[in-house]
All heavy atoms as atom14 arrays in JSON, in Angstrom:
{
  "sequence": "LSLAGLAADYVLLTIVHTLPWLFVARALSGIFGGSVAAAQAAIADVTQ",
  "atom14_mask": [
    [1, 1, 1, 1, 1, 1, 1, 1, 0, 0, 0, 0, 0, 0],
    [1, 1, 1, 1, 1, 1, 0, 0, 0, 0, 0, 0, 0, 0],
    [1, 1, 1, 1, 1, 1, 1, 1, 0, 0, 0, 0, 0, 0],
    [1, 1, 1, 1, 1, 0, 0, 0, 0, 0, 0, 0, 0, 0],
    [1, 1, 1, 1, 0, 0, 0, 0, 0, 0, 0, 0, 0, 0],
    [1, 1, 1, 1, 1, 1, 1, 1, 0, 0, 0, 0, 0, 0],
    [1, 1, 1, 1, 1, 0, 0, 0, 0, 0, 0, 0, 0, 0],
    [1, 1, 1, 1, 1, 0, 0, 0, 0, 0, 0, 0, 0, 0],
    [1, 1, 1, 1, 1, 1, 1, 1, 0, 0, 0, 0, 0, 0],
    [1, 1, 1, 1, 1, 1, 1, 1, 1, 1, 1, 1, 0, 0],
    [1, 1, 1, 1, 1, 1, 1, 0, 0, 0, 0, 0, 0, 0],
    [1, 1, 1, 1, 1, 1, 1, 1, 0, 0, 0, 0, 0, 0],
    [1, 1, 1, 1, 1, 1, 1, 1, 0, 0, 0, 0, 0, 0],
    [1, 1, 1, 1, 1, 1, 1, 0, 0, 0, 0, 0, 0, 0],
    [1, 1, 1, 1, 1, 1, 1, 1, 0, 0, 0, 0, 0, 0],
    [1, 1, 1, 1, 1, 1, 1, 0, 0, 0, 0, 0, 0, 0],
    [1, 1, 1, 1, 1, 1, 1, 1, 1, 1, 0, 0, 0, 0],
    [1, 1, 1, 1, 1, 1, 1, 0, 0, 0, 0, 0, 0, 0],
    [1, 1, 1, 1, 1, 1, 1, 1, 0, 0, 0, 0, 0, 0],
    [1, 1, 1, 1, 1, 1, 1, 0, 0, 0, 0, 0, 0, 0],
    [1, 1, 1, 1, 1, 1, 1, 1, 1, 1, 1, 1, 1, 1],
    [1, 1, 1, 1, 1, 1, 1, 1, 0, 0, 0, 0, 0, 0],
    [1, 1, 1, 1, 1, 1, 1, 1, 1, 1, 1, 0, 0, 0],
    [1, 1, 1, 1, 1, 1, 1, 0, 0, 0, 0, 0, 0, 0],
    [1, 1, 1, 1, 1, 0, 0, 0, 0, 0, 0, 0, 0, 0],
    [1, 1, 1, 1, 1, 1, 1, 1, 1, 1, 1, 0, 0, 0],
    [1, 1, 1, 1, 1, 0, 0, 0, 0, 0, 0, 0, 0, 0],
    [1, 1, 1, 1, 1, 1, 1, 1, 0, 0, 0, 0, 0, 0],
    [1, 1, 1, 1, 1, 1, 0, 0, 0, 0, 0, 0, 0, 0],
    [1, 1, 1, 1, 0, 0, 0, 0, 0, 0, 0, 0, 0, 0],
    [1, 1, 1, 1, 1, 1, 1, 1, 0, 0, 0, 0, 0, 0],
    [1, 1, 1, 1, 1, 1, 1, 1, 1, 1, 1, 0, 0, 0],
    [1, 1, 1, 1, 0, 0, 0, 0, 0, 0, 0, 0, 0, 0],
    [1, 1, 1, 1, 0, 0, 0, 0, 0, 0, 0, 0, 0, 0],
    [1, 1, 1, 1, 1, 1, 0, 0, 0, 0, 0, 0, 0, 0],
    [1, 1, 1, 1, 1, 1, 1, 0, 0, 0, 0, 0, 0, 0],
    [1, 1, 1, 1, 1, 0, 0, 0, 0, 0, 0, 0, 0, 0],
    [1, 1, 1, 1, 1, 0, 0, 0, 0, 0, 0, 0, 0, 0],
    [1, 1, 1, 1, 1, 0, 0, 0, 0, 0, 0, 0, 0, 0],
    [1, 1, 1, 1, 1, 1, 1, 1, 1, 0, 0, 0, 0, 0],
    [1, 1, 1, 1, 1, 0, 0, 0, 0, 0, 0, 0, 0, 0],
    [1, 1, 1, 1, 1, 0, 0, 0, 0, 0, 0, 0, 0, 0],
    [1, 1, 1, 1, 1, 1, 1, 1, 0, 0, 0, 0, 0, 0],
    [1, 1, 1, 1, 1, 0, 0, 0, 0, 0, 0, 0, 0, 0],
    [1, 1, 1, 1, 1, 1, 1, 1, 0, 0, 0, 0, 0, 0],
    [1, 1, 1, 1, 1, 1, 1, 0, 0, 0, 0, 0, 0, 0],
    [1, 1, 1, 1, 1, 1, 1, 0, 0, 0, 0, 0, 0, 0],
    [1, 1, 1, 1, 1, 1, 1, 1, 1, 0, 0, 0, 0, 0]
  ],
  "atom14_positions": [
    [[-10.07, -9.53, 13.04], [-11.49, -9.82, 13.22], [-12.23, -9.73, 11.89], [-13.16, -10.51, 11.62], [-12.09, -8.87, 14.24], [-11.71, -9.12, 15.7], [-12.25, -8.02, 16.6], [-12.23, -10.48, 16.16], [0.0, 0.0, 0.0], [0.0, 0.0, 0.0], [0.0, 0.0, 0.0], [0.0, 0.0, 0.0], [0.0, 0.0, 0.0], [0.0, 0.0, 0.0]],
    [[-11.83, -8.8, 11.02], [-12.47, -8.68, 9.72], [-12.19, -9.89, 8.86], [-13.07, -10.4, 8.15], [-11.99, -7.4, 9.01], [-12.41, -6.25, 9.7], [0.0, 0.0, 0.0], [0.0, 0.0, 0.0], [0.0, 0.0, 0.0], [0.0, 0.0, 0.0], [0.0, 0.0, 0.0], [0.0, 0.0, 0.0], [0.0, 0.0, 0.0], [0.0, 0.0, 0.0]],
    [[-10.95, -10.37, 8.91], [-10.62, -11.59, 8.15], [-11.39, -12.79, 8.68], [-11.86, -13.63, 7.9], [-9.11, -11.84, 8.21], [-8.25, -10.92, 7.35], [-6.78, -11.09, 7.72], [-8.47, -11.22, 5.87], [0.0, 0.0, 0.0], [0.0, 0.0, 0.0], [0.0, 0.0, 0.0], [0.0, 0.0, 0.0], [0.0, 0.0, 0.0], [0.0, 0.0, 0.0]],
    [[-11.53, -12.87, 9.99], [-12.33, -13.96, 10.56], [-13.79, -13.84, 10.11], [-14.45, -14.85, 9.8], [-12.25, -13.92, 12.09], [0.0, 0.0, 0.0], [0.0, 0.0, 0.0], [0.0, 0.0, 0.0], [0.0, 0.0, 0.0], [0.0, 0.0, 0.0], [0.0, 0.0, 0.0], [0.0, 0.0, 0.0], [0.0, 0.0, 0.0], [0.0, 0.0, 0.0]],
    [[-14.3, -12.6, 10.07], [-15.66, -12.38, 9.61], [-15.84, -12.77, 8.16], [-16.87, -13.36, 7.78], [0.0, 0.0, 0.0], [0.0, 0.0, 0.0], [0.0, 0.0, 0.0], [0.0, 0.0, 0.0], [0.0, 0.0, 0.0], [0.0, 0.0, 0.0], [0.0, 0.0, 0.0], [0.0, 0.0, 0.0], [0.0, 0.0, 0.0], [0.0, 0.0, 0.0]],
    [[-14.86, -12.45, 7.33], [-14.94, -12.83, 5.91], [-14.95, -14.35, 5.75], [-15.72, -14.91, 4.96], [-13.77, -12.24, 5.13], [-13.91, -10.8, 4.65], [-12.62, -10.33, 3.99], [-15.08, -10.64, 3.69], [0.0, 0.0, 0.0], [0.0, 0.0, 0.0], [0.0, 0.0, 0.0], [0.0, 0.0, 0.0], [0.0, 0.0, 0.0], [0.0, 0.0, 0.0]],
    [[-14.08, -15.02, 6.51], [-14.05, -16.49, 6.44], [-15.4, -17.07, 6.83], [-15.93, -17.97, 6.16], [-12.94, -17.03, 7.34], [0.0, 0.0, 0.0], [0.0, 0.0, 0.0], [0.0, 0.0, 0.0], [0.0, 0.0, 0.0], [0.0, 0.0, 0.0], [0.0, 0.0, 0.0], [0.0, 0.0, 0.0], [0.0, 0.0, 0.0], [0.0, 0.0, 0.0]],
    [[-15.99, -16.56, 7.93], [-17.31, -17.04, 8.36], [-18.38, -16.73, 7.33], [-19.28, -17.54, 7.08], [-17.66, -16.42, 9.71], [0.0, 0.0, 0.0], [0.0, 0.0, 0.0], [0.0, 0.0, 0.0], [0.0, 0.0, 0.0], [0.0, 0.0, 0.0], [0.0, 0.0, 0.0], [0.0, 0.0, 0.0], [0.0, 0.0, 0.0], [0.0, 0.0, 0.0]],
    [[-18.27, -15.56, 6.7], [-19.24, -15.16, 5.68], [-19.19, -16.11, 4.47], [-20.23, -16.51, 3.94], [-18.96, -13.73, 5.25], [-19.9, -13.26, 4.15], [-21.11, -13.4, 4.32], [-19.42, -12.76, 3.12], [0.0, 0.0, 0.0], [0.0, 0.0, 0.0], [0.0, 0.0, 0.0], [0.0, 0.0, 0.0], [0.0, 0.0, 0.0], [0.0, 0.0, 0.0]],
    [[-17.99, -16.46, 4.04], [-17.87, -17.39, 2.91], [-18.42, -18.78, 3.28], [-19.01, -19.46, 2.44], [-16.41, -17.51, 2.48], [-15.88, -16.26, 1.81], [-14.61, -15.75, 2.12], [-16.63, -15.58, 0.87], [-14.13, -14.6, 1.52], [-16.14, -14.43, 0.26], [-14.89, -13.94, 0.59], [-14.42, -12.81, -0.01], [0.0, 0.0, 0.0], [0.0, 0.0, 0.0]],
    [[-18.23, -19.18, 4.54], [-18.83, -20.44, 4.99], [-20.35, -20.35, 4.91], [-21.04, -21.29, 4.47], [-18.38, -20.79, 6.42], [-19.17, -21.97, 6.96], [-16.89, -21.1, 6.45], [0.0, 0.0, 0.0], [0.0, 0.0, 0.0], [0.0, 0.0, 0.0], [0.0, 0.0, 0.0], [0.0, 0.0, 0.0], [0.0, 0.0, 0.0], [0.0, 0.0, 0.0]],
    [[-20.91, -19.2, 5.33], [-22.35, -19.0, 5.24], [-22.84, -19.13, 3.81], [-23.9, -19.71, 3.54], [-22.71, -17.62, 5.82], [-24.18, -17.2, 5.72], [-25.07, -18.16, 6.52], [-24.35, -15.76, 6.23], [0.0, 0.0, 0.0], [0.0, 0.0, 0.0], [0.0, 0.0, 0.0], [0.0, 0.0, 0.0], [0.0, 0.0, 0.0], [0.0, 0.0, 0.0]],
    [[-22.04, -18.6, 2.85], [-22.44, -18.66, 1.44], [-22.47, -20.1, 0.91], [-23.1, -20.36, -0.12], [-21.48, -17.82, 0.6], [-21.73, -16.3, 0.66], [-20.54, -15.54, 0.11], [-23.0, -15.93, -0.1], [0.0, 0.0, 0.0], [0.0, 0.0, 0.0], [0.0, 0.0, 0.0], [0.0, 0.0, 0.0], [0.0, 0.0, 0.0], [0.0, 0.0, 0.0]],
    [[-21.79, -21.0, 1.59], [-21.82, -22.4, 1.13], [-23.1, -23.12, 1.54], [-23.39, -24.2, 1.03], [-20.62, -23.19, 1.69], [-20.74, -23.3, 3.12], [-19.31, -22.52, 1.33], [0.0, 0.0, 0.0], [0.0, 0.0, 0.0], [0.0, 0.0, 0.0], [0.0, 0.0, 0.0], [0.0, 0.0, 0.0], [0.0, 0.0, 0.0], [0.0, 0.0, 0.0]],
    [[-23.87, -22.52, 2.46], [-25.05, -23.23, 2.97], [-26.35, -22.47, 2.76], [-27.42, -23.02, 3.04], [-24.89, -23.56, 4.47], [-24.72, -22.27, 5.3], [-23.71, -24.49, 4.69], [-24.67, -22.5, 6.8], [0.0, 0.0, 0.0], [0.0, 0.0, 0.0], [0.0, 0.0, 0.0], [0.0, 0.0, 0.0], [0.0, 0.0, 0.0], [0.0, 0.0, 0.0]],
    [[-26.3, -21.19, 2.31], [-27.56, -20.44, 2.16], [-28.42, -21.09, 1.07], [-27.91, -21.58, 0.06], [-27.29, -18.97, 1.81], [-26.62, -18.26, 2.95], [-26.47, -18.83, 0.53], [0.0, 0.0, 0.0], [0.0, 0.0, 0.0], [0.0, 0.0, 0.0], [0.0, 0.0, 0.0], [0.0, 0.0, 0.0], [0.0, 0.0, 0.0], [0.0, 0.0, 0.0]],
    [[-29.74, -21.06, 1.3], [-30.66, -21.68, 0.35], [-31.85, -20.78, 0.01], [-32.78, -21.22, -0.66], [-31.18, -23.01, 0.9], [-30.14, -24.08, 0.95], [-29.65, -24.71, -0.18], [-29.47, -24.63, 2.0], [-28.74, -25.59, 0.15], [-28.6, -25.57, 1.48], [0.0, 0.0, 0.0], [0.0, 0.0, 0.0], [0.0, 0.0, 0.0], [0.0, 0.0, 0.0]],
    [[-31.8, -19.52, 0.46], [-32.85, -18.57, 0.12], [-32.21, -17.25, -0.29], [-31.11, -16.91, 0.16], [-33.81, -18.33, 1.31], [-33.06, -17.72, 2.39], [-34.43, -19.62, 1.79], [0.0, 0.0, 0.0], [0.0, 0.0, 0.0], [0.0, 0.0, 0.0], [0.0, 0.0, 0.0], [0.0, 0.0, 0.0], [0.0, 0.0, 0.0], [0.0, 0.0, 0.0]],
    [[-32.93, -16.49, -1.12], [-32.39, -15.22, -1.58], [-32.18, -14.21, -0.44], [-31.16, -13.5, -0.45], [-33.31, -14.62, -2.65], [-33.22, -15.26, -4.04], [-34.23, -14.64, -4.99], [-31.8, -15.12, -4.61], [0.0, 0.0, 0.0], [0.0, 0.0, 0.0], [0.0, 0.0, 0.0], [0.0, 0.0, 0.0], [0.0, 0.0, 0.0], [0.0, 0.0, 0.0]],
    [[-33.1, -14.09, 0.54], [-32.83, -13.15, 1.63], [-31.51, -13.44, 2.35], [-30.76, -12.51, 2.66], [-34.03, -13.35, 2.57], [-35.14, -13.79, 1.66], [-34.47, -14.66, 0.65], [0.0, 0.0, 0.0], [0.0, 0.0, 0.0], [0.0, 0.0, 0.0], [0.0, 0.0, 0.0], [0.0, 0.0, 0.0], [0.0, 0.0, 0.0], [0.0, 0.0, 0.0]],
    [[-31.22, -14.72, 2.59], [-29.96, -15.06, 3.25], [-28.76, -14.79, 2.34], [-27.67, -14.44, 2.81], [-29.96, -16.51, 3.71], [-30.58, -16.69, 5.05], [-31.76, -17.25, 5.35], [-30.03, -16.24, 6.3], [-32.0, -17.21, 6.7], [-30.95, -16.6, 7.31], [-28.85, -15.59, 6.66], [-30.73, -16.31, 8.66], [-28.62, -15.31, 8.01], [-29.55, -15.66, 8.99]],
    [[-28.95, -14.92, 1.03], [-27.87, -14.58, 0.11], [-27.56, -13.09, 0.18], [-26.39, -12.68, 0.18], [-28.26, -14.97, -1.32], [-27.21, -14.7, -2.41], [-25.91, -15.43, -2.11], [-27.75, -15.1, -3.78], [0.0, 0.0, 0.0], [0.0, 0.0, 0.0], [0.0, 0.0, 0.0], [0.0, 0.0, 0.0], [0.0, 0.0, 0.0], [0.0, 0.0, 0.0]],
    [[-28.61, -12.27, 0.28], [-28.41, -10.82, 0.43], [-27.71, -10.51, 1.75], [-26.83, -9.65, 1.8], [-29.76, -10.09, 0.35], [-30.19, -9.74, -1.04], [-30.88, -10.65, -1.82], [-29.9, -8.5, -1.59], [-31.28, -10.34, -3.11], [-30.28, -8.17, -2.86], [-30.98, -9.09, -3.64], [0.0, 0.0, 0.0], [0.0, 0.0, 0.0], [0.0, 0.0, 0.0]],
    [[-28.11, -11.19, 2.82], [-27.46, -10.98, 4.12], [-25.98, -11.33, 4.04], [-25.11, -10.58, 4.53], [-28.14, -11.83, 5.21], [-27.32, -11.83, 6.5], [-29.55, -11.31, 5.49], [0.0, 0.0, 0.0], [0.0, 0.0, 0.0], [0.0, 0.0, 0.0], [0.0, 0.0, 0.0], [0.0, 0.0, 0.0], [0.0, 0.0, 0.0], [0.0, 0.0, 0.0]],
    [[-25.68, -12.46, 3.4], [-24.28, -12.89, 3.31], [-23.44, -11.9, 2.52], [-22.31, -11.58, 2.91], [-24.22, -14.28, 2.66], [0.0, 0.0, 0.0], [0.0, 0.0, 0.0], [0.0, 0.0, 0.0], [0.0, 0.0, 0.0], [0.0, 0.0, 0.0], [0.0, 0.0, 0.0], [0.0, 0.0, 0.0], [0.0, 0.0, 0.0], [0.0, 0.0, 0.0]],
    [[-23.96, -11.39, 1.42], [-23.19, -10.43, 0.62], [-23.09, -9.07, 1.32], [-22.11, -8.35, 1.15], [-23.81, -10.27, -0.76], [-23.8, -11.54, -1.59], [-22.43, -12.23, -1.57], [-21.5, -11.59, -2.49], [-20.19, -11.7, -2.4], [-19.64, -12.38, -1.41], [-19.41, -11.11, -3.29], [0.0, 0.0, 0.0], [0.0, 0.0, 0.0], [0.0, 0.0, 0.0]],
    [[-24.1, -8.72, 2.13], [-23.99, -7.51, 2.94], [-22.86, -7.63, 3.94], [-22.08, -6.69, 4.16], [-25.31, -7.22, 3.65], [0.0, 0.0, 0.0], [0.0, 0.0, 0.0], [0.0, 0.0, 0.0], [0.0, 0.0, 0.0], [0.0, 0.0, 0.0], [0.0, 0.0, 0.0], [0.0, 0.0, 0.0], [0.0, 0.0, 0.0], [0.0, 0.0, 0.0]],
    [[-22.74, -8.81, 4.55], [-21.62, -9.05, 5.47], [-20.29, -8.97, 4.74], [-19.3, -8.46, 5.3], [-21.78, -10.43, 6.13], [-22.93, -10.57, 7.13], [-23.07, -12.02, 7.59], [-22.71, -9.65, 8.33], [0.0, 0.0, 0.0], [0.0, 0.0, 0.0], [0.0, 0.0, 0.0], [0.0, 0.0, 0.0], [0.0, 0.0, 0.0], [0.0, 0.0, 0.0]],
    [[-20.25, -9.43, 3.5], [-19.02, -9.3, 2.72], [-18.65, -7.83, 2.54], [-17.48, -7.46, 2.62], [-19.21, -9.95, 1.33], [-19.46, -11.33, 1.43], [0.0, 0.0, 0.0], [0.0, 0.0, 0.0], [0.0, 0.0, 0.0], [0.0, 0.0, 0.0], [0.0, 0.0, 0.0], [0.0, 0.0, 0.0], [0.0, 0.0, 0.0], [0.0, 0.0, 0.0]],
    [[-19.66, -6.99, 2.3], [-19.4, -5.57, 2.17], [-18.93, -4.94, 3.46], [-18.04, -4.08, 3.47], [0.0, 0.0, 0.0], [0.0, 0.0, 0.0], [0.0, 0.0, 0.0], [0.0, 0.0, 0.0], [0.0, 0.0, 0.0], [0.0, 0.0, 0.0], [0.0, 0.0, 0.0], [0.0, 0.0, 0.0], [0.0, 0.0, 0.0], [0.0, 0.0, 0.0]],
    [[-19.52, -5.36, 4.59], [-19.12, -4.81, 5.89], [-17.67, -5.16, 6.2], [-16.86, -4.28, 6.51], [-20.05, -5.34, 6.99], [-21.45, -4.75, 6.83], [-19.48, -5.02, 8.38], [-22.49, -5.36, 7.75], [0.0, 0.0, 0.0], [0.0, 0.0, 0.0], [0.0, 0.0, 0.0], [0.0, 0.0, 0.0], [0.0, 0.0, 0.0], [0.0, 0.0, 0.0]],
    [[-17.33, -6.44, 6.12], [-15.97, -6.84, 6.47], [-14.96, -6.36, 5.42], [-13.79, -6.16, 5.73], [-15.9, -8.36, 6.64], [-16.69, -8.86, 7.81], [-17.7, -9.81, 7.64], [-16.45, -8.39, 9.08], [-18.44, -10.27, 8.71], [-17.18, -8.84, 10.17], [-18.19, -9.78, 9.98], [0.0, 0.0, 0.0], [0.0, 0.0, 0.0], [0.0, 0.0, 0.0]],
    [[-15.43, -6.17, 4.18], [-14.56, -5.61, 3.16], [-14.19, -4.16, 3.43], [-13.21, -3.65, 2.89], [0.0, 0.0, 0.0], [0.0, 0.0, 0.0], [0.0, 0.0, 0.0], [0.0, 0.0, 0.0], [0.0, 0.0, 0.0], [0.0, 0.0, 0.0], [0.0, 0.0, 0.0], [0.0, 0.0, 0.0], [0.0, 0.0, 0.0], [0.0, 0.0, 0.0]],
    [[-14.97, -3.5, 4.31], [-14.64, -2.13, 4.69], [-13.37, -2.03, 5.51], [-12.89, -0.93, 5.81], [0.0, 0.0, 0.0], [0.0, 0.0, 0.0], [0.0, 0.0, 0.0], [0.0, 0.0, 0.0], [0.0, 0.0, 0.0], [0.0, 0.0, 0.0], [0.0, 0.0, 0.0], [0.0, 0.0, 0.0], [0.0, 0.0, 0.0], [0.0, 0.0, 0.0]],
    [[-12.79, -3.17, 5.86], [-11.54, -3.17, 6.64], [-10.36, -2.65, 5.82], [-9.27, -2.47, 6.37], [-11.23, -4.58, 7.13], [-11.03, -5.46, 6.03], [0.0, 0.0, 0.0], [0.0, 0.0, 0.0], [0.0, 0.0, 0.0], [0.0, 0.0, 0.0], [0.0, 0.0, 0.0], [0.0, 0.0, 0.0], [0.0, 0.0, 0.0], [0.0, 0.0, 0.0]],
    [[-10.57, -2.4, 4.54], [-9.48, -1.82, 3.74], [-9.02, -0.49, 4.34], [-7.87, -0.1, 4.2], [-9.93, -1.64, 2.28], [-11.01, -0.57, 2.16], [-8.76, -1.29, 1.38], [0.0, 0.0, 0.0], [0.0, 0.0, 0.0], [0.0, 0.0, 0.0], [0.0, 0.0, 0.0], [0.0, 0.0, 0.0], [0.0, 0.0, 0.0], [0.0, 0.0, 0.0]],
    [[-9.93, 0.2, 5.06], [-9.55, 1.45, 5.72], [-8.46, 1.2, 6.75], [-7.46, 1.92, 6.82], [-10.78, 2.08, 6.38], [0.0, 0.0, 0.0], [0.0, 0.0, 0.0], [0.0, 0.0, 0.0], [0.0, 0.0, 0.0], [0.0, 0.0, 0.0], [0.0, 0.0, 0.0], [0.0, 0.0, 0.0], [0.0, 0.0, 0.0], [0.0, 0.0, 0.0]],
    [[-8.63, 0.16, 7.58], [-7.62, -0.17, 8.58], [-6.34, -0.65, 7.93], [-5.23, -0.36, 8.41], [-8.16, -1.25, 9.54], [0.0, 0.0, 0.0], [0.0, 0.0, 0.0], [0.0, 0.0, 0.0], [0.0, 0.0, 0.0], [0.0, 0.0, 0.0], [0.0, 0.0, 0.0], [0.0, 0.0, 0.0], [0.0, 0.0, 0.0], [0.0, 0.0, 0.0]],
    [[-6.47, -1.37, 6.82], [-5.28, -1.87, 6.12], [-4.44, -0.72, 5.6], [-3.2, -0.7, 5.76], [-5.71, -2.79, 4.97], [0.0, 0.0, 0.0], [0.0, 0.0, 0.0], [0.0, 0.0, 0.0], [0.0, 0.0, 0.0], [0.0, 0.0, 0.0], [0.0, 0.0, 0.0], [0.0, 0.0, 0.0], [0.0, 0.0, 0.0], [0.0, 0.0, 0.0]],
    [[-5.07, 0.24, 4.96], [-4.31, 1.36, 4.42], [-3.8, 2.28, 5.53], [-2.74, 2.91, 5.39], [-5.16, 2.12, 3.41], [-5.56, 1.25, 2.23], [-5.91, 2.04, 0.99], [-5.43, 1.75, -0.09], [-6.76, 3.01, 1.14], [0.0, 0.0, 0.0], [0.0, 0.0, 0.0], [0.0, 0.0, 0.0], [0.0, 0.0, 0.0], [0.0, 0.0, 0.0]],
    [[-4.54, 2.37, 6.63], [-4.04, 3.14, 7.78], [-2.78, 2.51, 8.33], [-1.85, 3.21, 8.77], [-5.12, 3.23, 8.86], [0.0, 0.0, 0.0], [0.0, 0.0, 0.0], [0.0, 0.0, 0.0], [0.0, 0.0, 0.0], [0.0, 0.0, 0.0], [0.0, 0.0, 0.0], [0.0, 0.0, 0.0], [0.0, 0.0, 0.0], [0.0, 0.0, 0.0]],
    [[-2.7, 1.17, 8.34], [-1.49, 0.49, 8.81], [-0.3, 0.86, 7.94], [0.82, 1.04, 8.44], [-1.71, -1.03, 8.82], [0.0, 0.0, 0.0], [0.0, 0.0, 0.0], [0.0, 0.0, 0.0], [0.0, 0.0, 0.0], [0.0, 0.0, 0.0], [0.0, 0.0, 0.0], [0.0, 0.0, 0.0], [0.0, 0.0, 0.0], [0.0, 0.0, 0.0]],
    [[-0.52, 0.95, 6.63], [0.57, 1.37, 5.75], [1.01, 2.78, 6.08], [2.21, 3.1, 6.14], [0.13, 1.26, 4.28], [-0.01, -0.2, 3.89], [1.12, 1.97, 3.35], [-0.43, -0.42, 2.45], [0.0, 0.0, 0.0], [0.0, 0.0, 0.0], [0.0, 0.0, 0.0], [0.0, 0.0, 0.0], [0.0, 0.0, 0.0], [0.0, 0.0, 0.0]],
    [[0.04, 3.67, 6.32], [0.38, 5.05, 6.68], [1.14, 5.11, 8.0], [2.04, 5.95, 8.17], [-0.89, 5.9, 6.77], [0.0, 0.0, 0.0], [0.0, 0.0, 0.0], [0.0, 0.0, 0.0], [0.0, 0.0, 0.0], [0.0, 0.0, 0.0], [0.0, 0.0, 0.0], [0.0, 0.0, 0.0], [0.0, 0.0, 0.0], [0.0, 0.0, 0.0]],
    [[0.83, 4.19, 8.93], [1.52, 4.18, 10.23], [3.02, 3.94, 10.09], [3.82, 4.51, 10.84], [0.94, 3.08, 11.12], [-0.48, 3.36, 11.58], [-0.88, 4.53, 11.58], [-1.18, 2.39, 11.92], [0.0, 0.0, 0.0], [0.0, 0.0, 0.0], [0.0, 0.0, 0.0], [0.0, 0.0, 0.0], [0.0, 0.0, 0.0], [0.0, 0.0, 0.0]],
    [[3.4, 3.08, 9.16], [4.8, 2.64, 9.09], [5.55, 3.24, 7.91], [6.69, 2.84, 7.65], [4.88, 1.1, 9.02], [4.24, 0.48, 10.25], [4.23, 0.56, 7.75], [0.0, 0.0, 0.0], [0.0, 0.0, 0.0], [0.0, 0.0, 0.0], [0.0, 0.0, 0.0], [0.0, 0.0, 0.0], [0.0, 0.0, 0.0], [0.0, 0.0, 0.0]],
    [[4.93, 4.18, 7.19], [5.54, 4.73, 5.98], [5.66, 6.24, 6.08], [4.72, 6.91, 6.53], [4.68, 4.37, 4.74], [4.47, 2.97, 4.7], [5.39, 4.8, 3.46], [0.0, 0.0, 0.0], [0.0, 0.0, 0.0], [0.0, 0.0, 0.0], [0.0, 0.0, 0.0], [0.0, 0.0, 0.0], [0.0, 0.0, 0.0], [0.0, 0.0, 0.0]],
    [[6.78, 6.76, 5.68], [6.95, 8.2, 5.61], [6.03, 8.78, 4.54], [5.75, 8.12, 3.54], [8.4, 8.56, 5.29], [9.38, 8.2, 6.39], [9.07, 8.93, 7.69], [8.81, 10.13, 7.7], [9.08, 8.18, 8.8], [0.0, 0.0, 0.0], [0.0, 0.0, 0.0], [0.0, 0.0, 0.0], [0.0, 0.0, 0.0], [0.0, 0.0, 0.0]]
  ]
}
């Protein structure tokens, strides 16, 4: 879901035309980028 959100966010960045929407788009990038926690937890799940 985070990867899908990032893809949608990058699509949004191709069409934004105001600074407020640019800030919203980059905020979404930060939110979905927080998925690194789940990514590293997956490594911990399968690694001694």
